[in-house]
Amino acid sequence: MPIDIIRDWRDLPASQRGAAAALGAFDGVHKGHQAVIASARIAADRLGAPLAVVSFDPHPRRWFQPDAAPFRLMTPGQMARALEPLGVSRLYLLPFDSGMAAMSDEAFAIDVLVGRPQAAQGAVGHKDGLGLAHASVGFDFTYGKGRTGSPDSLARIGRQLGFSVAVTERIDDTGGLKLSSSAVREALNAGDMARAAAILSRPFAIEGEVVHGDKRGRTIGVPTANVRLGDYMRPAYGIYATRTRLPDNEKWGGRVIDGVANLGVRPMFEIAEPLLEVWLFDFAEDLYGETIETELVALLRGEMNFDGLDALKTQIDADAAAARTVLAAAR
């Protein structure tokens, strides 16, 4: 059953309240996040409650730093799909707005996570809030205006209001690999896709609508599906071995196609906005307007300039051969 995505904490029916939830931004749903969710799952099983994740849209960092460079690791849709295999049945994507930004830590816990009686609404027992039965958080979880709330303060409020709290301590993977969203970004910035995938437990992937480009690739027999990066963190620019998942509908059936992609601004034909330009192997159909998801499996080389189209085409052929080899070995 698809995960239930709920985009508010007010006026919820009883059927959407009372979960055991993991709280946090969960950008990437990496192994550290997965440990927090596993803690919530233990509580959900103990309480007989639905397992949920409570996150925010937009990301609080975007709210407080509207001019910050792009940093996201996934879209809300990707987050939902990453949560499904973990047993999560409900994703609360709470709107992070001026009202929430101004809430004290105590107000957030009381009003949002639990809910106050709303007698003025004329319904006996009706409440705003999520009515959580349990909250699991990471060791570094903060909340409330000025980030004054901590796991300890949440546990104290939980004891007062009747919900349990569990705290997951920092976990490092074997070899001391730090499990954090910032560590994923560091790996992507360095083009170390294997390290990023090890932290995420899957390859980093960019999802977006296929848009029209300058169609120059078609002139040399290399048609590409072009996707804008939006608020995704910019990995190292260069050429990648890729796997692209087509829409899971009647026409495309969620097919996964190997390919090679340029991510960046193309020094030879420079563009103002970086693009992901994917050449799907043995595929020649029109994808304009479709939403695709492309895994960046391995960085093959950095961006380069060329003397002309012939030299470019020769290098693209070499890149395609290298990508096929890498992808065959990664199966």
Protein backbone atom coordinates (compact mmCIF):
# COMPACT_ATOMS: atom_id res chain seq x y z
CA MET A 1 0.00 0.00 0.00
CA PRO A 2 1.42 3.46 -0.91
CA ILE A 3 2.52 5.60 2.00
CA ASP A 4 -0.06 8.14 3.24
CA ILE A 5 1.37 11.67 2.87
CA ILE A 6 -0.24 14.21 5.22
CA ARG A 7 0.68 17.87 4.78
CA ASP A 8 -0.67 19.52 7.92
CA TRP A 9 -1.03 19.01 11.67
CA ARG A 10 -4.35 20.79 12.08
CA ASP A 11 -7.90 19.46 11.75
CA LEU A 12 -6.80 15.87 11.30
CA PRO A 13 -9.37 13.08 11.60
CA ALA A 14 -8.83 10.51 14.32
CA SER A 15 -7.65 8.02 11.68
CA GLN A 16 -4.60 10.21 10.95
CA ARG A 17 -3.55 10.72 14.58
CA GLY A 18 -1.99 8.50 17.25
CA ALA A 19 1.12 7.22 15.44
CA ALA A 20 4.54 6.25 16.74
CA ALA A 21 6.81 8.55 14.78
CA ALA A 22 10.41 9.33 13.96
CA LEU A 23 11.03 13.10 13.99
CA GLY A 24 13.54 15.00 11.88
CA ALA A 25 14.39 16.46 8.48
CA PHE A 26 15.38 13.01 7.11
CA ASP A 27 16.88 14.53 3.96
CA GLY A 28 18.41 11.50 2.25
CA VAL A 29 16.86 8.85 4.55
CA HIS A 30 20.41 7.59 5.10
CA LYS A 31 21.50 4.81 7.45
CA GLY A 32 21.53 7.13 10.46
CA HIS A 33 17.94 8.15 9.72
CA GLN A 34 17.03 4.52 9.22
CA ALA A 35 18.25 3.73 12.76
CA VAL A 36 15.91 6.38 14.20
CA ILE A 37 13.01 4.97 12.17
CA ALA A 38 13.85 1.45 13.39
CA SER A 39 13.57 2.73 16.95
CA ALA A 40 10.13 4.17 16.18
CA ARG A 41 9.11 0.87 14.60
CA ILE A 42 9.87 -0.99 17.85
CA ALA A 43 7.59 1.44 19.69
CA ALA A 44 4.89 1.16 17.01
CA ASP A 45 4.87 -2.62 17.38
CA ARG A 46 4.75 -2.35 21.18
CA LEU A 47 1.89 0.15 21.13
CA GLY A 48 -0.02 -1.29 18.19
CA ALA A 49 0.25 2.11 16.50
CA PRO A 50 0.95 3.12 12.88
CA LEU A 51 4.60 3.84 12.09
CA ALA A 52 5.10 7.41 10.87
CA VAL A 53 7.79 9.91 10.00
CA VAL A 54 7.39 13.60 10.83
CA SER A 55 9.36 15.92 8.55
CA PHE A 56 9.00 19.38 7.04
CA ASP A 57 8.38 21.01 3.67
CA PRO A 58 10.13 23.25 2.89
CA HIS A 59 13.23 22.12 4.73
CA PRO A 60 13.77 24.52 7.70
CA ARG A 61 17.19 25.43 6.33
CA ARG A 62 15.54 26.78 3.17
CA TRP A 63 13.13 28.85 5.27
CA PHE A 64 15.86 30.46 7.37
CA GLN A 65 18.38 30.75 4.52
CA PRO A 66 16.30 31.46 1.40
CA ASP A 67 19.39 32.47 -0.60
CA ALA A 68 21.50 29.47 0.39
CA ALA A 69 22.98 27.33 -2.37
CA PRO A 70 20.92 24.27 -3.38
CA PHE A 71 21.40 21.50 -0.81
CA ARG A 72 18.58 18.95 -0.91
CA LEU A 73 19.34 15.26 -1.36
CA MET A 74 15.84 14.17 -2.38
CA THR A 75 12.35 15.34 -3.28
CA PRO A 76 9.34 14.59 -1.04
CA GLY A 77 8.31 11.87 -3.49
CA GLN A 78 11.72 10.21 -3.24
CA MET A 79 11.53 10.45 0.54
CA ALA A 80 8.17 8.66 0.57
CA ARG A 81 9.50 5.88 -1.67
CA ALA A 82 12.60 5.45 0.53
CA LEU A 83 10.42 5.16 3.64
CA GLU A 84 8.04 2.51 2.30
CA PRO A 85 10.50 -0.43 2.52
CA LEU A 86 11.19 0.55 6.16
CA GLY A 87 7.57 -0.15 7.07
CA VAL A 88 6.50 3.48 7.36
CA SER A 89 2.82 3.87 6.55
CA ARG A 90 2.43 7.60 7.16
CA LEU A 91 4.58 10.62 6.27
CA TYR A 92 3.74 13.94 7.85
CA LEU A 93 5.26 16.71 5.71
CA LEU A 94 4.49 19.64 7.97
CA PRO A 95 4.49 23.10 6.40
CA PHE A 96 7.44 25.02 7.79
CA ASP A 97 6.15 28.59 7.77
CA SER A 98 6.42 31.75 9.88
CA GLY A 99 4.04 30.36 12.48
CA MET A 100 6.02 27.19 12.99
CA ALA A 101 9.34 29.06 12.91
CA ALA A 102 8.10 31.23 15.79
CA MET A 103 6.97 28.33 18.02
CA SER A 104 8.88 27.67 21.21
CA ASP A 105 10.09 24.14 21.78
CA GLU A 106 7.29 23.57 24.30
CA ALA A 107 4.62 24.99 22.00
CA PHE A 108 5.80 22.77 19.15
CA ALA A 109 5.59 19.67 21.32
CA ILE A 110 2.22 20.56 22.83
CA ASP A 111 0.45 22.06 19.81
CA VAL A 112 1.95 20.10 16.92
CA LEU A 113 3.10 16.75 18.27
CA VAL A 114 0.23 16.24 20.73
CA GLY A 115 -2.54 18.85 20.36
CA ARG A 116 -4.59 20.96 22.72
CA PRO A 117 -8.34 20.49 23.20
CA GLN A 118 -10.24 22.74 20.78
CA ALA A 119 -13.59 23.22 22.49
CA ALA A 120 -14.32 26.28 20.36
CA GLN A 121 -14.52 24.05 17.30
CA GLY A 122 -17.72 22.54 18.71
CA ALA A 123 -16.63 18.90 18.61
CA VAL A 124 -16.15 17.09 21.91
CA GLY A 125 -12.65 15.67 22.13
CA HIS A 126 -11.52 17.18 18.80
CA LYS A 127 -7.92 18.36 18.78
CA ASP A 128 -5.39 19.86 16.46
CA GLY A 129 -1.98 18.20 16.52
CA LEU A 130 -0.70 14.77 15.60
CA GLY A 131 -1.63 13.07 18.86
CA LEU A 132 1.62 11.10 18.85
CA ALA A 133 1.88 8.05 21.06
CA HIS A 134 5.66 7.96 20.72
CA ALA A 135 8.52 10.03 19.27
CA SER A 136 11.94 8.71 18.25
CA VAL A 137 14.69 11.24 17.56
CA GLY A 138 18.39 11.32 16.83
CA PHE A 139 20.98 12.39 19.40
CA ASP A 140 21.40 15.78 17.71
CA PHE A 141 17.69 16.58 17.20
CA THR A 142 16.74 20.20 17.90
CA TYR A 143 13.39 21.94 17.59
CA GLY A 144 11.53 25.13 18.46
CA LYS A 145 12.44 28.77 17.99
CA GLY A 146 16.18 29.24 18.27
CA ARG A 147 16.58 25.44 18.23
CA THR A 148 16.31 25.46 22.02
CA GLY A 149 14.59 22.08 22.24
CA SER A 150 16.68 18.94 22.72
CA PRO A 151 16.05 15.21 23.08
CA ASP A 152 16.15 15.66 26.87
CA SER A 153 13.54 18.42 26.84
CA LEU A 154 11.34 16.39 24.50
CA ALA A 155 11.54 13.41 26.86
CA ARG A 156 10.56 15.66 29.77
CA ILE A 157 7.56 17.07 27.88
CA GLY A 158 6.64 13.57 26.77
CA ARG A 159 6.46 12.38 30.36
CA GLN A 160 4.16 15.28 31.16
CA LEU A 161 1.88 14.80 28.15
CA GLY A 162 1.80 11.03 27.95
CA PHE A 163 3.94 10.08 24.96
CA SER A 164 7.16 8.09 25.12
CA VAL A 165 10.47 9.29 23.66
CA ALA A 166 13.47 7.27 22.46
CA VAL A 167 16.84 8.76 21.50
CA THR A 168 19.16 7.09 18.96
CA GLU A 169 22.80 7.78 19.67
CA ARG A 170 25.26 8.59 16.90
CA ILE A 171 26.04 5.57 14.75
CA ASP A 172 29.09 5.29 12.52
CA ASP A 173 29.35 2.60 9.90
CA THR A 174 32.22 0.15 9.84
CA GLY A 175 35.47 1.96 9.23
CA GLY A 176 34.22 5.10 10.97
CA LEU A 177 32.05 6.26 8.07
CA LYS A 178 30.01 9.18 9.40
CA LEU A 179 26.30 8.66 8.75
CA SER A 180 24.88 12.13 8.15
CA SER A 181 23.38 14.26 5.40
CA SER A 182 26.41 16.54 5.54
CA ALA A 183 28.68 13.52 4.97
CA VAL A 184 26.60 12.59 1.90
CA ARG A 185 27.00 16.13 0.55
CA GLU A 186 30.75 16.00 1.13
CA ALA A 187 30.96 12.74 -0.81
CA LEU A 188 28.86 14.10 -3.69
CA ASN A 189 30.94 17.27 -3.84
CA ALA A 190 34.04 15.09 -4.17
CA GLY A 191 32.42 12.87 -6.80
CA ASP A 192 32.76 9.87 -4.50
CA MET A 193 29.51 8.18 -5.45
CA ALA A 194 30.45 4.90 -3.78
CA ARG A 195 30.85 6.63 -0.41
CA ALA A 196 27.58 8.54 -0.87
CA ALA A 197 25.78 5.30 -1.75
CA ALA A 198 27.28 3.56 1.29
CA ILE A 199 25.85 6.23 3.61
CA LEU A 200 22.49 6.38 1.82
CA SER A 201 22.23 2.59 1.33
CA ARG A 202 21.41 3.28 -2.33
CA PRO A 203 22.85 5.42 -5.16
CA PHE A 204 22.17 9.14 -5.07
CA ALA A 205 19.45 9.95 -7.61
CA ILE A 206 18.04 13.06 -9.26
CA GLU A 207 14.36 13.13 -10.13
CA GLY A 208 12.73 15.69 -12.39
CA GLU A 209 10.76 16.51 -15.49
CA VAL A 210 12.40 16.03 -18.88
CA VAL A 211 12.71 19.46 -20.51
CA HIS A 212 13.72 20.66 -23.96
CA GLY A 213 17.38 21.48 -24.47
CA ASP A 214 19.28 22.80 -27.48
CA LYS A 215 19.06 19.32 -29.11
CA ARG A 216 22.71 19.55 -30.18
CA GLY A 217 23.26 15.94 -29.09
CA ARG A 218 20.85 14.71 -31.72
CA THR A 219 23.11 16.09 -34.44
CA ILE A 220 25.85 13.63 -33.40
CA GLY A 221 23.57 10.69 -32.64
CA VAL A 222 23.45 11.23 -28.88
CA PRO A 223 19.92 12.35 -27.91
CA THR A 224 19.64 13.22 -24.23
CA ALA A 225 16.87 13.52 -21.66
CA ASN A 226 17.51 16.80 -19.86
CA VAL A 227 16.50 17.45 -16.24
CA ARG A 228 16.96 20.68 -14.28
CA LEU A 229 18.62 20.27 -10.88
CA GLY A 230 16.34 22.64 -8.96
CA ASP A 231 17.17 22.59 -5.24
CA TYR A 232 19.28 19.42 -5.43
CA MET A 233 22.75 19.65 -4.00
CA ARG A 234 25.20 19.95 -6.93
CA PRO A 235 27.45 16.87 -7.12
CA ALA A 236 30.84 17.23 -8.78
CA TYR A 237 30.35 18.29 -12.39
CA GLY A 238 31.31 15.70 -14.93
CA ILE A 239 30.33 12.51 -16.75
CA TYR A 240 28.49 9.77 -14.87
CA ALA A 241 27.48 6.17 -15.44
CA THR A 242 23.75 6.17 -14.74
CA ARG A 243 20.60 4.13 -14.33
CA THR A 244 17.32 5.89 -15.11
CA ARG A 245 13.90 4.79 -13.93
CA LEU A 246 11.02 5.73 -16.23
CA PRO A 247 7.54 6.52 -14.86
CA ASP A 248 5.75 3.53 -13.35
CA ASN A 249 2.67 3.79 -15.55
CA GLU A 250 1.03 1.77 -18.28
CA LYS A 251 3.19 3.29 -21.01
CA TRP A 252 6.62 3.00 -19.43
CA GLY A 253 6.13 0.39 -16.71
CA GLY A 254 8.90 1.72 -14.48
CA ARG A 255 11.62 0.45 -16.83
CA VAL A 256 15.20 1.01 -15.71
CA ILE A 257 17.65 1.94 -18.47
CA ASP A 258 21.44 2.19 -18.30
CA GLY A 259 23.07 5.32 -19.64
CA VAL A 260 25.75 7.96 -19.42
CA ALA A 261 25.14 11.56 -18.40
CA ASN A 262 26.76 14.96 -18.31
CA LEU A 263 26.02 16.92 -15.15
CA GLY A 264 27.12 20.54 -15.27
CA VAL A 265 27.37 23.50 -17.61
CA ARG A 266 29.17 21.93 -20.62
CA PRO A 267 32.32 24.07 -21.14
CA MET A 268 32.20 23.60 -24.93
CA PHE A 269 28.60 24.88 -25.24
CA GLU A 270 28.24 26.62 -21.91
CA ILE A 271 24.77 27.01 -20.38
CA ALA A 272 23.73 29.35 -17.58
CA GLU A 273 21.93 26.74 -15.48
CA PRO A 274 23.49 23.33 -14.78
CA LEU A 275 21.60 20.40 -16.24
CA LEU A 276 21.60 16.64 -15.98
CA GLU A 277 21.72 15.43 -19.60
CA VAL A 278 21.24 11.67 -19.82
CA TRP A 279 21.90 9.54 -22.89
CA LEU A 280 19.77 6.43 -22.40
CA PHE A 281 21.37 3.43 -24.08
CA ASP A 282 19.33 1.68 -26.78
CA PHE A 283 16.39 4.01 -26.27
CA ALA A 284 14.96 6.49 -28.78
CA GLU A 285 11.49 7.44 -27.52
CA ASP A 286 10.16 10.88 -26.58
CA LEU A 287 10.21 11.61 -22.83
CA TYR A 288 9.44 15.33 -22.84
CA GLY A 289 7.21 16.26 -19.91
CA GLU A 290 7.75 12.91 -18.17
CA THR A 291 9.29 12.67 -14.70
CA ILE A 292 12.30 10.36 -14.54
CA GLU A 293 14.72 9.43 -11.77
CA THR A 294 18.39 8.99 -12.58
CA GLU A 295 20.89 7.28 -10.27
CA LEU A 296 24.43 8.62 -10.50
CA VAL A 297 26.28 5.33 -10.11
CA ALA A 298 29.87 6.44 -10.72
CA LEU A 299 31.77 9.55 -11.80
CA LEU A 300 33.78 8.69 -14.92
CA ARG A 301 35.60 11.99 -15.45
CA GLY A 302 35.28 15.73 -15.00
CA GLU A 303 33.89 18.15 -17.59
CA MET A 304 36.22 18.92 -20.50
CA ASN A 305 36.47 21.24 -23.47
CA PHE A 306 36.96 19.94 -27.03
CA ASP A 307 38.28 21.28 -30.31
CA GLY A 308 35.14 20.34 -32.23
CA LEU A 309 32.16 18.04 -32.55
CA ASP A 310 34.22 15.14 -33.91
CA ALA A 311 36.47 15.16 -30.84
CA LEU A 312 33.41 15.47 -28.59
CA LYS A 313 31.70 12.51 -30.27
CA THR A 314 34.83 10.37 -29.94
CA GLN A 315 34.99 11.11 -26.22
CA ILE A 316 31.27 10.46 -25.75
CA ASP A 317 31.66 7.04 -27.35
CA ALA A 318 34.54 6.30 -24.98
CA ASP A 319 32.46 7.50 -22.03
CA ALA A 320 29.55 5.28 -23.08
CA ALA A 321 31.83 2.25 -23.27
CA ALA A 322 33.25 3.05 -19.84
CA ALA A 323 29.75 3.49 -18.42
CA ARG A 324 28.60 0.12 -19.80
CA THR A 325 31.60 -1.55 -18.18
CA VAL A 326 31.03 0.11 -14.80
CA LEU A 327 27.30 -0.63 -14.80
CA ALA A 328 27.82 -4.27 -15.77
CA ALA A 329 30.26 -4.69 -12.86
CA ALA A 330 27.84 -2.98 -10.44
CA ARG A 331 24.94 -5.35 -11.04
